[in-house]
Amino acid sequence: MDLIILLISLIPLQIFGQFSSIHENNGSFNTLYQNANIRVRINDQLFQRSHQILQNLFIWQVQNAVIDNQLQCFPEGCVTIYDFRITGVTLPKTFTLNPTPPNLMHLQMDMFDMDIQAKVNGNLQMLLGLPLTGNLIVTARSLFMPITLELQKTINKIPIAHVTSCGLSSGTVTAVLQDAGVLTDIINIRYANELNIKAREVVESTLCDNMNRMIASQINSKLKKFPQYLNVYEVMKYLDQVQKRYTRQTTHQNWLPRQFYSIRYPRQAQLNVIKNYNEVTTFNSQVIAPLIERNLSDIFDFNKLKNINIYLDIIDTSSSTTDYIIGIHGIADLIDKSNAKTYTNTFLSNNLLPNFPKNIKPKMLDVIIDGSILNGLLHQLWRSNAFNVKIDKRFPEFQHLLKTSCSLDEVCISDSIPEVGENYPDQYLKIKTFLTSPPTAKAFKEKIIMNLEGLSIFELESNGNEIGKIPFTAKIIIIVKIIENSSKIKLSLLVPELEIHNSVDFFGLKPEYLTSLKTGAVNVIQKFVNSKLSNGIDFQPFTSHLADVFGVYYPTITFLDSGELLFQSDLDVHRLYYSPHFYQ
């Protein structure tokens, strides 16, 4: 969800383009081609709301403009025009912002006026050398100015907006000299055309120069804060802070003004990287931990997430006359690779672009995220040994799998595998399970299917001696159910397939003799995980936070059968752009 918020930072510009690669502003280009696996589509409704921000910013910039001194030469000599003051600017009657194929944004300001005053000083050699001093009055009426914008990026992959064309297309601009004594009428009559040309140059350069200044100061200053990566753990911690704040407000009726809450948006976190990721990390309750960690930290080491960043790179753009799309390449990778596993991630070879479904009703903002993001994250979690799980007698749910022998009214592993109790009576086992290859996942409309391949090692808890190995492959299904008339999503786990490999080394038994053990393991895993997921996920804290702080309204998340995730929302563009929280 936080990735979605960050993508919205480009909305005030609306500068995206038809699958054209973003070029770097120094003329160089990265020839290593990458496909976008995140696509953000800005739809027509948002354009209709966005232009007001640019209009207000531009008018403010022009009203506070500083115009450089000008030199105007005549046959009789040259004069300096200085001390320019903009005495009046009217709002355009029409101000439109629209995408223009293939990869541009067209901004039009029509029917606006502008008045400028300046001082004139110089000498003209007519019959005699005459000093010329006076005031120049510039009047511009019914101006029409089209501007073309595009998105570029620096060699450091920072997105920037660039004005590719700007100029006055129509309108009248006149200049009149005043208070110049006997030379007033002479100059106005003899050099009216020269004065009008100079005035038009001044008006055009003033408007275009200040458009560039406005883009640099008000837009690019914010775009440069668009993160080049997200730390997964910091994002989860931020979401947990949002949930805690919401709980405090609703439970204790905390009406303190919002400015007293200092929740910062996660960006490029400065982290102390754990050097040995093979070690099991003990959860410290004093450390701020994500909400989900309180439910699943027993079996999953969330501290491993500190070593994973999702790197973001804007690489292509597309546009039609009604929408604009930006393509982002997102890839998960480890910060510290010194203890990482190596494995060829074949899933990343998918070259298909994620496509927006044709049967959806567009909102102001549509974002589609390809399954390679999820699989890349799973790959890096596997490389950092995050899926290494150790089960021992501290988990009462697994007692019947860990106890080697028991009485008639108890259940233990010897009931299905007598050889265990015969060889190691009255003992407890511990099971270490790890994945031998990266897991893969695909999202569907109401479920996520994951395929796992791993190895379970059985040891005696008393001395750590190994007594058996069971290699396996498994398919697990995470069922995602949206509760009607509620902001909650219910999650549950199903293990429909678990196969033991023929290379099993467990008291000389073949896979078919381990069926009862396999069935018992599936049942206890499903029961254990589903007990942790039973409360579901309530999105109300996050939707309220998005609306209140960022102006993101009515967000929806949909899993598509094509394996992609679709995020849609409407936006209050003014609240988003002027939010003090967003660009901290």
Foldseek 3Di string as FASTA:
>chain_A
DLVVLLVCLQLLPQFFFAFAWFAAPVRDHDPPDDFFQKKKKFFQVSQVQRQVVVQVLLVVLLQPFAFDKDWAADPQGIKIKDDKHWPDKDAAPDWGWWDDPGGKIKIKGWWMWTKMKTWIWDWGCDVHIDTWIFMKIKIKGGWIKMWMKHWHAHPVQQIAIDTPDIFTPDTFMFMATPPGPPCRVVCCVPPRVSRRVVRRVRVRCSSVVSSVVSRVPQPSVQSRLSAQKFQPFVQLLLVQVLVVVVCCCVVVVDPPDPVVDDRARTGDDDDDDDQQLVDDDDDDPVDRGGPLCVLPVQWFPSVLSRFKMWGKHFTTWGDDRTMIMTGIHIAMDGNDQPQFDDDDDPVSVDNDHDDDDPPDDAASMKMKGFQVRVQRVLQRCQRSQRNKGKDWVVDVLCQQDFAQDDDPVDHHPCVLVVVSCVVPNGFTKMKIKGFPHGKGWFWAFFKIKIKTWIKIWIATPVPRHTQWMWTKIWIKMWGWADDPPFQFIAIFIATPDIFTDQVTGHPPDGRVSCVVVVVSVRVSVRVSSNVSRVVTDRCVSVQVCCCVQAFWHDWDWGTHRVRMIMIHTYGNNVSNSPRPNSRD
